[in-house]
């Protein structure tokens, strides 16, 4: 079940970790994360407004800014060890109470 920040039901999706095709779009298209990307028409599981998901005051741009700062810190830490950071993954979520 997909709920907005006020706890109102906005739809149902059977995926635990859907892939958002373009988080900058106002309407997020949610796809199965393990299906081939060339078969998107068959893999579209839901569409939902980003405004219904993100808490008030949180934007994709704010999230990107935070992720870029985290990336720079991690890159610097690895550089001090004489290594290069090639890739990393950070997963973020929103709790039921909007945190």
PDB file of N, CA and C in Angstrom:
ATOM      1  N   UNK A   1       0.843  -1.167   0.000  1.00  0.00           N
ATOM      2  CA  UNK A   1       0.000   0.000   0.000  1.00  0.00           C
ATOM      3  C   UNK A   1       0.895   1.239   0.000  1.00  0.00           C
ATOM      4  N   UNK A   2       0.582   2.206  -0.821  1.00  0.00           N
ATOM      5  CA  UNK A   2       1.308   3.461  -0.883  1.00  0.00           C
ATOM      6  C   UNK A   2       0.482   4.513  -0.172  1.00  0.00           C
ATOM      7  N   UNK A   3       1.112   5.183   0.809  1.00  0.00           N
ATOM      8  CA  UNK A   3       0.419   6.237   1.550  1.00  0.00           C
ATOM      9  C   UNK A   3       1.194   7.533   1.409  1.00  0.00           C
ATOM     10  N   UNK A   4       0.471   8.642   1.455  1.00  0.00           N
ATOM     11  CA  UNK A   4       1.149   9.935   1.452  1.00  0.00           C
ATOM     12  C   UNK A   4       1.583  10.270   2.875  1.00  0.00           C
ATOM     13  N   UNK A   5       2.213  11.455   3.042  1.00  0.00           N
ATOM     14  CA  UNK A   5       2.731  11.820   4.360  1.00  0.00           C
ATOM     15  C   UNK A   5       1.642  12.017   5.403  1.00  0.00           C
ATOM     16  N   UNK A   6       0.399  12.187   4.979  1.00  0.00           N
ATOM     17  CA  UNK A   6      -0.714  12.325   5.918  1.00  0.00           C
ATOM     18  C   UNK A   6      -1.342  10.974   6.259  1.00  0.00           C
ATOM     19  N   UNK A   7      -0.800   9.885   5.707  1.00  0.00           N
ATOM     20  CA  UNK A   7      -1.314   8.554   5.990  1.00  0.00           C
ATOM     21  C   UNK A   7      -2.474   8.136   5.109  1.00  0.00           C
ATOM     22  N   UNK A   8      -2.800   8.936   4.094  1.00  0.00           N
ATOM     23  CA  UNK A   8      -3.899   8.594   3.200  1.00  0.00           C
ATOM     24  C   UNK A   8      -3.415   7.616   2.135  1.00  0.00           C
ATOM     25  N   UNK A   9      -4.203   6.593   1.870  1.00  0.00           N
ATOM     26  CA  UNK A   9      -3.818   5.603   0.874  1.00  0.00           C
ATOM     27  C   UNK A   9      -3.838   6.218  -0.520  1.00  0.00           C
ATOM     28  N   UNK A  10      -2.761   6.003  -1.266  1.00  0.00           N
ATOM     29  CA  UNK A  10      -2.644   6.547  -2.614  1.00  0.00           C
ATOM     30  C   UNK A  10      -2.507   5.459  -3.665  1.00  0.00           C
ATOM     31  N   UNK A  11      -2.560   4.222  -3.290  1.00  0.00           N
ATOM     32  CA  UNK A  11      -2.445   3.135  -4.259  1.00  0.00           C
ATOM     33  C   UNK A  11      -1.795   1.931  -3.629  1.00  0.00           C
ATOM     34  N   UNK A  12      -1.666   0.902  -4.411  1.00  0.00           N
ATOM     35  CA  UNK A  12      -1.058  -0.340  -3.947  1.00  0.00           C
ATOM     36  C   UNK A  12      -0.014  -0.765  -4.960  1.00  0.00           C
ATOM     37  N   UNK A  13       1.103  -1.229  -4.473  1.00  0.00           N
ATOM     38  CA  UNK A  13       2.141  -1.762  -5.343  1.00  0.00           C
ATOM     39  C   UNK A  13       2.683  -3.024  -4.701  1.00  0.00           C
ATOM     40  N   UNK A  14       2.962  -4.016  -5.525  1.00  0.00           N
ATOM     41  CA  UNK A  14       3.395  -5.310  -4.993  1.00  0.00           C
ATOM     42  C   UNK A  14       4.909  -5.414  -4.862  1.00  0.00           C
ATOM     43  N   UNK A  15       5.622  -4.325  -5.079  1.00  0.00           N
ATOM     44  CA  UNK A  15       7.081  -4.345  -5.006  1.00  0.00           C
ATOM     45  C   UNK A  15       7.564  -3.724  -3.707  1.00  0.00           C
ATOM     46  N   UNK A  16       8.617  -4.303  -3.132  1.00  0.00           N
ATOM     47  CA  UNK A  16       9.203  -3.743  -1.924  1.00  0.00           C
ATOM     48  C   UNK A  16      10.145  -2.587  -2.234  1.00  0.00           C
ATOM     49  N   UNK A  17      10.815  -2.634  -3.369  1.00  0.00           N
ATOM     50  CA  UNK A  17      11.827  -1.636  -3.692  1.00  0.00           C
ATOM     51  C   UNK A  17      11.716  -1.251  -5.164  1.00  0.00           C
ATOM     52  N   UNK A  18      10.663  -0.539  -5.557  1.00  0.00           N
ATOM     53  CA  UNK A  18      10.481  -0.231  -6.978  1.00  0.00           C
ATOM     54  C   UNK A  18      11.536   0.743  -7.492  1.00  0.00           C
ATOM     55  N   UNK A  19      11.801   0.654  -8.779  1.00  0.00           N
ATOM     56  CA  UNK A  19      12.725   1.556  -9.460  1.00  0.00           C
ATOM     57  C   UNK A  19      11.935   2.759  -9.958  1.00  0.00           C
ATOM     58  N   UNK A  20      12.376   3.967  -9.615  1.00  0.00           N
ATOM     59  CA  UNK A  20      11.743   5.199 -10.089  1.00  0.00           C
ATOM     60  C   UNK A  20      12.491   5.621 -11.343  1.00  0.00           C
ATOM     61  N   UNK A  21      11.802   5.633 -12.477  1.00  0.00           N
ATOM     62  CA  UNK A  21      12.453   5.910 -13.756  1.00  0.00           C
ATOM     63  C   UNK A  21      13.138   7.271 -13.776  1.00  0.00           C
ATOM     64  N   UNK A  22      12.463   8.303 -13.330  1.00  0.00           N
ATOM     65  CA  UNK A  22      13.057   9.640 -13.292  1.00  0.00           C
ATOM     66  C   UNK A  22      12.531  10.370 -12.065  1.00  0.00           C
ATOM     67  N   UNK A  23      13.309  10.422 -10.995  1.00  0.00           N
ATOM     68  CA  UNK A  23      12.824  11.057  -9.764  1.00  0.00           C
ATOM     69  C   UNK A  23      12.558  12.551  -9.904  1.00  0.00           C
ATOM     70  N   UNK A  24      13.045  13.191 -10.956  1.00  0.00           N
ATOM     71  CA  UNK A  24      12.801  14.623 -11.159  1.00  0.00           C
ATOM     72  C   UNK A  24      11.416  14.892 -11.750  1.00  0.00           C
ATOM     73  N   UNK A  25      10.776  13.856 -12.280  1.00  0.00           N
ATOM     74  CA  UNK A  25       9.408  14.021 -12.791  1.00  0.00           C
ATOM     75  C   UNK A  25       8.445  14.186 -11.630  1.00  0.00           C
ATOM     76  N   UNK A  26       7.388  14.971 -11.827  1.00  0.00           N
ATOM     77  CA  UNK A  26       6.384  15.131 -10.768  1.00  0.00           C
ATOM     78  C   UNK A  26       5.623  13.829 -10.552  1.00  0.00           C
ATOM     79  N   UNK A  27       5.323  13.118 -11.630  1.00  0.00           N
ATOM     80  CA  UNK A  27       4.670  11.806 -11.528  1.00  0.00           C
ATOM     81  C   UNK A  27       5.741  10.741 -11.659  1.00  0.00           C
ATOM     82  N   UNK A  28       5.919   9.985 -10.593  1.00  0.00           N
ATOM     83  CA  UNK A  28       6.916   8.920 -10.602  1.00  0.00           C
ATOM     84  C   UNK A  28       6.317   7.669 -11.222  1.00  0.00           C
ATOM     85  N   UNK A  29       7.038   7.083 -12.171  1.00  0.00           N
ATOM     86  CA  UNK A  29       6.666   5.801 -12.766  1.00  0.00           C
ATOM     87  C   UNK A  29       7.505   4.740 -12.062  1.00  0.00           C
ATOM     88  N   UNK A  30       6.826   3.796 -11.420  1.00  0.00           N
ATOM     89  CA  UNK A  30       7.501   2.774 -10.624  1.00  0.00           C
ATOM     90  C   UNK A  30       7.578   1.470 -11.409  1.00  0.00           C
ATOM     91  N   UNK A  31       8.790   0.948 -11.543  1.00  0.00           N
ATOM     92  CA  UNK A  31       9.038  -0.269 -12.301  1.00  0.00           C
ATOM     93  C   UNK A  31       9.616  -1.340 -11.397  1.00  0.00           C
ATOM     94  N   UNK A  32       9.501  -2.574 -11.835  1.00  0.00           N
ATOM     95  CA  UNK A  32      10.126  -3.686 -11.126  1.00  0.00           C
ATOM     96  C   UNK A  32      11.640  -3.512 -11.216  1.00  0.00           C
ATOM     97  N   UNK A  33      12.372  -3.579 -10.091  1.00  0.00           N
ATOM     98  CA  UNK A  33      13.801  -3.289 -10.113  1.00  0.00           C
ATOM     99  C   UNK A  33      14.657  -4.344 -10.805  1.00  0.00           C
ATOM    100  N   UNK A  34      14.120  -5.535 -11.025  1.00  0.00           N
ATOM    101  CA  UNK A  34      14.944  -6.607 -11.587  1.00  0.00           C
ATOM    102  C   UNK A  34      14.497  -7.053 -12.972  1.00  0.00           C
ATOM    103  N   UNK A  35      13.582  -6.318 -13.568  1.00  0.00           N
ATOM    104  CA  UNK A  35      13.143  -6.634 -14.923  1.00  0.00           C
ATOM    105  C   UNK A  35      13.973  -5.823 -15.917  1.00  0.00           C
ATOM    106  N   UNK A  36      14.142  -6.337 -17.133  1.00  0.00           N
ATOM    107  CA  UNK A  36      14.944  -5.610 -18.127  1.00  0.00           C
ATOM    108  C   UNK A  36      14.359  -4.232 -18.444  1.00  0.00           C
ATOM    109  N   UNK A  37      15.226  -3.239 -18.574  1.00  0.00           N
ATOM    110  CA  UNK A  37      14.776  -1.874 -18.816  1.00  0.00           C
ATOM    111  C   UNK A  37      14.119  -1.711 -20.181  1.00  0.00           C
ATOM    112  N   UNK A  38      14.468  -2.549 -21.151  1.00  0.00           N
ATOM    113  CA  UNK A  38      13.877  -2.416 -22.486  1.00  0.00           C
ATOM    114  C   UNK A  38      12.423  -2.877 -22.529  1.00  0.00           C
ATOM    115  N   UNK A  39      11.942  -3.454 -21.456  1.00  0.00           N
ATOM    116  CA  UNK A  39      10.572  -3.957 -21.407  1.00  0.00           C
ATOM    117  C   UNK A  39       9.740  -3.109 -20.438  1.00  0.00           C
ATOM    118  N   UNK A  40       9.971  -1.793 -20.423  1.00  0.00           N
ATOM    119  CA  UNK A  40       9.328  -0.918 -19.435  1.00  0.00           C
ATOM    120  C   UNK A  40       7.810  -0.906 -19.541  1.00  0.00           C
ATOM    121  N   UNK A  41       7.282  -0.995 -20.735  1.00  0.00           N
ATOM    122  CA  UNK A  41       5.818  -0.962 -20.877  1.00  0.00           C
ATOM    123  C   UNK A  41       5.176  -2.096 -20.100  1.00  0.00           C
ATOM    124  N   UNK A  42       5.782  -3.263 -20.113  1.00  0.00           N
ATOM    125  CA  UNK A  42       5.238  -4.415 -19.398  1.00  0.00           C
ATOM    126  C   UNK A  42       5.563  -4.367 -17.916  1.00  0.00           C
ATOM    127  N   UNK A  43       6.583  -3.605 -17.532  1.00  0.00           N
ATOM    128  CA  UNK A  43       7.050  -3.605 -16.143  1.00  0.00           C
ATOM    129  C   UNK A  43       6.535  -2.445 -15.313  1.00  0.00           C
ATOM    130  N   UNK A  44       5.754  -1.542 -15.916  1.00  0.00           N
ATOM    131  CA  UNK A  44       5.220  -0.412 -15.158  1.00  0.00           C
ATOM    132  C   UNK A  44       4.213  -0.937 -14.139  1.00  0.00           C
ATOM    133  N   UNK A  45       4.512  -0.734 -12.858  1.00  0.00           N
ATOM    134  CA  UNK A  45       3.650  -1.258 -11.804  1.00  0.00           C
ATOM    135  C   UNK A  45       2.731  -0.204 -11.208  1.00  0.00           C
ATOM    136  N   UNK A  46       3.156   1.059 -11.253  1.00  0.00           N
ATOM    137  CA  UNK A  46       2.321   2.114 -10.668  1.00  0.00           C
ATOM    138  C   UNK A  46       2.860   3.470 -11.085  1.00  0.00           C
ATOM    139  N   UNK A  47       2.017   4.456 -10.987  1.00  0.00           N
ATOM    140  CA  UNK A  47       2.411   5.853 -11.140  1.00  0.00           C
ATOM    141  C   UNK A  47       1.867   6.587  -9.925  1.00  0.00           C
ATOM    142  N   UNK A  48       2.693   7.463  -9.357  1.00  0.00           N
ATOM    143  CA  UNK A  48       2.274   8.196  -8.168  1.00  0.00           C
ATOM    144  C   UNK A  48       2.940   9.565  -8.164  1.00  0.00           C
ATOM    145  N   UNK A  49       2.267  10.543  -7.639  1.00  0.00           N
ATOM    146  CA  UNK A  49       2.819  11.888  -7.567  1.00  0.00           C
ATOM    147  C   UNK A  49       3.906  11.948  -6.493  1.00  0.00           C
ATOM    148  N   UNK A  50       5.025  12.543  -6.827  1.00  0.00           N
ATOM    149  CA  UNK A  50       6.101  12.699  -5.842  1.00  0.00           C
ATOM    150  C   UNK A  50       5.636  13.535  -4.655  1.00  0.00           C
ATOM    151  N   UNK A  51       4.684  14.441  -4.878  1.00  0.00           N
ATOM    152  CA  UNK A  51       4.150  15.255  -3.779  1.00  0.00           C
ATOM    153  C   UNK A  51       3.408  14.416  -2.745  1.00  0.00           C
ATOM    154  N   UNK A  52       2.848  13.290  -3.178  1.00  0.00           N
ATOM    155  CA  UNK A  52       2.146  12.413  -2.244  1.00  0.00           C
ATOM    156  C   UNK A  52       3.108  11.571  -1.416  1.00  0.00           C
ATOM    157  N   UNK A  53       4.346  11.449  -1.847  1.00  0.00           N
ATOM    158  CA  UNK A  53       5.315  10.600  -1.165  1.00  0.00           C
ATOM    159  C   UNK A  53       6.271  11.414  -0.299  1.00  0.00           C
ATOM    160  N   UNK A  54       6.833  12.470  -0.863  1.00  0.00           N
ATOM    161  CA  UNK A  54       7.838  13.242  -0.133  1.00  0.00           C
ATOM    162  C   UNK A  54       7.184  14.132   0.921  1.00  0.00           C
ATOM    163  N   UNK A  55       7.736  14.149   2.133  1.00  0.00           N
ATOM    164  CA  UNK A  55       7.193  15.038   3.162  1.00  0.00           C
ATOM    165  C   UNK A  55       7.319  16.489   2.726  1.00  0.00           C
ATOM    166  N   UNK A  56       6.482  17.335   3.266  1.00  0.00           N
ATOM    167  CA  UNK A  56       6.512  18.752   2.924  1.00  0.00           C
ATOM    168  C   UNK A  56       7.892  19.327   3.220  1.00  0.00           C
ATOM    169  N   UNK A  57       8.414  20.080   2.281  1.00  0.00           N
ATOM    170  CA  UNK A  57       9.731  20.690   2.439  1.00  0.00           C
ATOM    171  C   UNK A  57      10.879  19.845   1.926  1.00  0.00           C
ATOM    172  N   UNK A  58      10.635  18.582   1.608  1.00  0.00           N
ATOM    173  CA  UNK A  58      11.681  17.705   1.079  1.00  0.00           C
ATOM    174  C   UNK A  58      11.492  17.610  -0.433  1.00  0.00           C
ATOM    175  N   UNK A  59      12.557  17.902  -1.165  1.00  0.00           N
ATOM    176  CA  UNK A  59      12.509  17.821  -2.621  1.00  0.00           C
ATOM    177  C   UNK A  59      13.602  16.888  -3.113  1.00  0.00           C
ATOM    178  N   UNK A  60      13.468  16.464  -4.348  1.00  0.00           N
ATOM    179  CA  UNK A  60      14.500  15.625  -4.954  1.00  0.00           C
ATOM    180  C   UNK A  60      15.823  16.391  -4.975  1.00  0.00           C
ATOM    181  N   UNK A  61      15.770  17.686  -5.210  1.00  0.00           N
ATOM    182  CA  UNK A  61      16.994  18.496  -5.230  1.00  0.00           C
ATOM    183  C   UNK A  61      17.683  18.500  -3.867  1.00  0.00           C
ATOM    184  N   UNK A  62      16.915  18.572  -2.775  1.00  0.00           N
ATOM    185  CA  UNK A  62      17.513  18.525  -1.434  1.00  0.00           C
ATOM    186  C   UNK A  62      18.153  17.166  -1.171  1.00  0.00           C
ATOM    187  N   UNK A  63      17.488  16.108  -1.604  1.00  0.00           N
ATOM    188  CA  UNK A  63      18.033  14.762  -1.435  1.00  0.00           C
ATOM    189  C   UNK A  63      19.329  14.623  -2.238  1.00  0.00           C
ATOM    190  N   UNK A  64      19.330  15.106  -3.488  1.00  0.00           N
ATOM    191  CA  UNK A  64      20.534  15.047  -4.314  1.00  0.00           C
ATOM    192  C   UNK A  64      21.686  15.821  -3.681  1.00  0.00           C
ATOM    193  N   UNK A  65      21.402  16.980  -3.100  1.00  0.00           N
ATOM    194  CA  UNK A  65      22.436  17.771  -2.451  1.00  0.00           C
ATOM    195  C   UNK A  65      23.062  17.005  -1.290  1.00  0.00           C
ATOM    196  N   UNK A  66      22.229  16.371  -0.495  1.00  0.00           N
ATOM    197  CA  UNK A  66      22.722  15.569   0.625  1.00  0.00           C
ATOM    198  C   UNK A  66      23.582  14.406   0.125  1.00  0.00           C
ATOM    199  N   UNK A  67      23.121  13.723  -0.915  1.00  0.00           N
ATOM    200  CA  UNK A  67      23.867  12.587  -1.455  1.00  0.00           C
ATOM    201  C   UNK A  67      25.211  13.020  -2.032  1.00  0.00           C
ATOM    202  N   UNK A  68      25.256  14.180  -2.677  1.00  0.00           N
ATOM    203  CA  UNK A  68      26.526  14.675  -3.222  1.00  0.00           C
ATOM    204  C   UNK A  68      27.526  14.966  -2.093  1.00  0.00           C
ATOM    205  N   UNK A  69      27.053  15.558  -0.998  1.00  0.00           N
ATOM    206  CA  UNK A  69      27.940  15.829   0.133  1.00  0.00           C
ATOM    207  C   UNK A  69      28.442  14.531   0.757  1.00  0.00           C
ATOM    208  N   UNK A  70      27.563  13.547   0.882  1.00  0.00           N
ATOM    209  CA  UNK A  70      27.975  12.242   1.418  1.00  0.00           C
ATOM    210  C   UNK A  70      29.027  11.618   0.514  1.00  0.00           C
ATOM    211  N   UNK A  71      28.797  11.710  -0.801  1.00  0.00           N
ATOM    212  CA  UNK A  71      29.755  11.153  -1.766  1.00  0.00           C
ATOM    213  C   UNK A  71      31.122  11.794  -1.648  1.00  0.00           C
ATOM    214  N   UNK A  72      31.168  13.113  -1.461  1.00  0.00           N
ATOM    215  CA  UNK A  72      32.451  13.796  -1.326  1.00  0.00           C
ATOM    216  C   UNK A  72      33.193  13.363  -0.063  1.00  0.00           C
ATOM    217  N   UNK A  73      32.453  13.185   1.027  1.00  0.00           N
ATOM    218  CA  UNK A  73      33.074  12.723   2.276  1.00  0.00           C
ATOM    219  C   UNK A  73      33.642  11.315   2.094  1.00  0.00           C
ATOM    220  N   UNK A  74      32.844  10.425   1.493  1.00  0.00           N
ATOM    221  CA  UNK A  74      33.319   9.057   1.267  1.00  0.00           C
ATOM    222  C   UNK A  74      34.526   9.033   0.320  1.00  0.00           C
ATOM    223  N   UNK A  75      34.464   9.834  -0.726  1.00  0.00           N
ATOM    224  CA  UNK A  75      35.571   9.903  -1.689  1.00  0.00           C
ATOM    225  C   UNK A  75      36.851  10.369  -0.992  1.00  0.00           C
ATOM    226  N   UNK A  76      36.738  11.391  -0.132  1.00  0.00           N
ATOM    227  CA  UNK A  76      37.898  11.883   0.605  1.00  0.00           C
ATOM    228  C   UNK A  76      38.457  10.852   1.571  1.00  0.00           C
ATOM    229  N   UNK A  77      37.574  10.130   2.236  1.00  0.00           N
ATOM    230  CA  UNK A  77      38.023   9.101   3.187  1.00  0.00           C
ATOM    231  C   UNK A  77      38.789   7.995   2.471  1.00  0.00           C
ATOM    232  N   UNK A  78      38.283   7.540   1.338  1.00  0.00           N
ATOM    233  CA  UNK A  78      38.979   6.501   0.573  1.00  0.00           C
ATOM    234  C   UNK A  78      40.297   7.027   0.010  1.00  0.00           C
ATOM    235  N   UNK A  79      40.327   8.297  -0.408  1.00  0.00           N
ATOM    236  CA  UNK A  79      41.552   8.889  -0.944  1.00  0.00           C
ATOM    237  C   UNK A  79      42.655   8.915   0.114  1.00  0.00           C
ATOM    238  N   UNK A  80      42.290   9.157   1.374  1.00  0.00           N
ATOM    239  CA  UNK A  80      43.279   9.157   2.456  1.00  0.00           C
ATOM    240  C   UNK A  80      43.901   7.780   2.641  1.00  0.00           C
ATOM    241  N   UNK A  81      43.200   6.753   2.202  1.00  0.00           N
ATOM    242  CA  UNK A  81      43.721   5.386   2.276  1.00  0.00           C
ATOM    243  C   UNK A  81      44.444   4.978   0.997  1.00  0.00           C
ATOM    244  N   UNK A  82      44.544   5.924   0.055  1.00  0.00           N
ATOM    245  CA  UNK A  82      45.217   5.640  -1.209  1.00  0.00           C
ATOM    246  C   UNK A  82      44.347   4.881  -2.200  1.00  0.00           C
ATOM    247  N   UNK A  83      43.040   4.948  -2.016  1.00  0.00           N
ATOM    248  CA  UNK A  83      42.108   4.225  -2.892  1.00  0.00           C
ATOM    249  C   UNK A  83      41.192   5.212  -3.614  1.00  0.00           C
ATOM    250  N   UNK A  84      40.531   4.708  -4.635  1.00  0.00           N
ATOM    251  CA  UNK A  84      39.548   5.505  -5.364  1.00  0.00           C
ATOM    252  C   UNK A  84      38.158   4.939  -5.105  1.00  0.00           C
ATOM    253  N   UNK A  85      37.225   5.806  -4.821  1.00  0.00           N
ATOM    254  CA  UNK A  85      35.828   5.387  -4.687  1.00  0.00           C
ATOM    255  C   UNK A  85      35.251   5.294  -6.093  1.00  0.00           C
ATOM    256  N   UNK A  86      34.824   4.130  -6.478  1.00  0.00           N
ATOM    257  CA  UNK A  86      34.304   3.915  -7.830  1.00  0.00           C
ATOM    258  C   UNK A  86      32.790   4.017  -7.852  1.00  0.00           C
ATOM    259  N   UNK A  87      32.137   3.451  -6.862  1.00  0.00           N
ATOM    260  CA  UNK A  87      30.683   3.407  -6.865  1.00  0.00           C
ATOM    261  C   UNK A  87      30.207   3.223  -5.430  1.00  0.00           C
ATOM    262  N   UNK A  88      29.018   3.683  -5.154  1.00  0.00           N
ATOM    263  CA  UNK A  88      28.395   3.421  -3.865  1.00  0.00           C
ATOM    264  C   UNK A  88      26.895   3.535  -4.021  1.00  0.00           C
ATOM    265  N   UNK A  89      26.187   2.966  -3.062  1.00  0.00           N
ATOM    266  CA  UNK A  89      24.729   2.998  -3.095  1.00  0.00           C
ATOM    267  C   UNK A  89      24.234   3.423  -1.721  1.00  0.00           C
ATOM    268  N   UNK A  90      23.317   4.353  -1.719  1.00  0.00           N
ATOM    269  CA  UNK A  90      22.674   4.780  -0.486  1.00  0.00           C
ATOM    270  C   UNK A  90      21.178   4.634  -0.685  1.00  0.00           C
ATOM    271  N   UNK A  91      20.536   3.962   0.230  1.00  0.00           N
ATOM    272  CA  UNK A  91      19.089   3.825   0.168  1.00  0.00           C
ATOM    273  C   UNK A  91      18.473   4.723   1.222  1.00  0.00           C
ATOM    274  N   UNK A  92      17.434   5.430   0.824  1.00  0.00           N
ATOM    275  CA  UNK A  92      16.751   6.333   1.732  1.00  0.00           C
ATOM    276  C   UNK A  92      15.287   5.966   1.755  1.00  0.00           C
ATOM    277  N   UNK A  93      14.656   6.235   2.849  1.00  0.00           N
ATOM    278  CA  UNK A  93      13.227   5.958   2.963  1.00  0.00           C
ATOM    279  C   UNK A  93      12.573   7.001   3.858  1.00  0.00           C
ATOM    280  N   UNK A  94      11.284   6.942   3.904  1.00  0.00           N
ATOM    281  CA  UNK A  94      10.504   7.864   4.717  1.00  0.00           C
ATOM    282  C   UNK A  94       9.668   7.028   5.679  1.00  0.00           C
ATOM    283  N   UNK A  95       9.763   7.340   6.964  1.00  0.00           N
ATOM    284  CA  UNK A  95       9.010   6.599   7.959  1.00  0.00           C
ATOM    285  C   UNK A  95       7.534   6.980   7.905  1.00  0.00           C
ATOM    286  N   UNK A  96       6.719   6.217   8.575  1.00  0.00           N
ATOM    287  CA  UNK A  96       5.274   6.475   8.581  1.00  0.00           C
ATOM    288  C   UNK A  96       4.934   7.856   9.114  1.00  0.00           C
ATOM    289  N   UNK A  97       5.798   8.379  10.016  1.00  0.00           N
ATOM    290  CA  UNK A  97       5.527   9.711  10.574  1.00  0.00           C
ATOM    291  C   UNK A  97       6.234  10.823   9.813  1.00  0.00           C
ATOM    292  N   UNK A  98       6.755  10.519   8.608  1.00  0.00           N
ATOM    293  CA  UNK A  98       7.298  11.550   7.720  1.00  0.00           C
ATOM    294  C   UNK A  98       8.764  11.885   7.927  1.00  0.00           C
ATOM    295  N   UNK A  99       9.473  11.130   8.743  1.00  0.00           N
ATOM    296  CA  UNK A  99      10.903  11.401   8.943  1.00  0.00           C
ATOM    297  C   UNK A  99      11.711  10.671   7.885  1.00  0.00           C
TER     298      UNK A  99
END
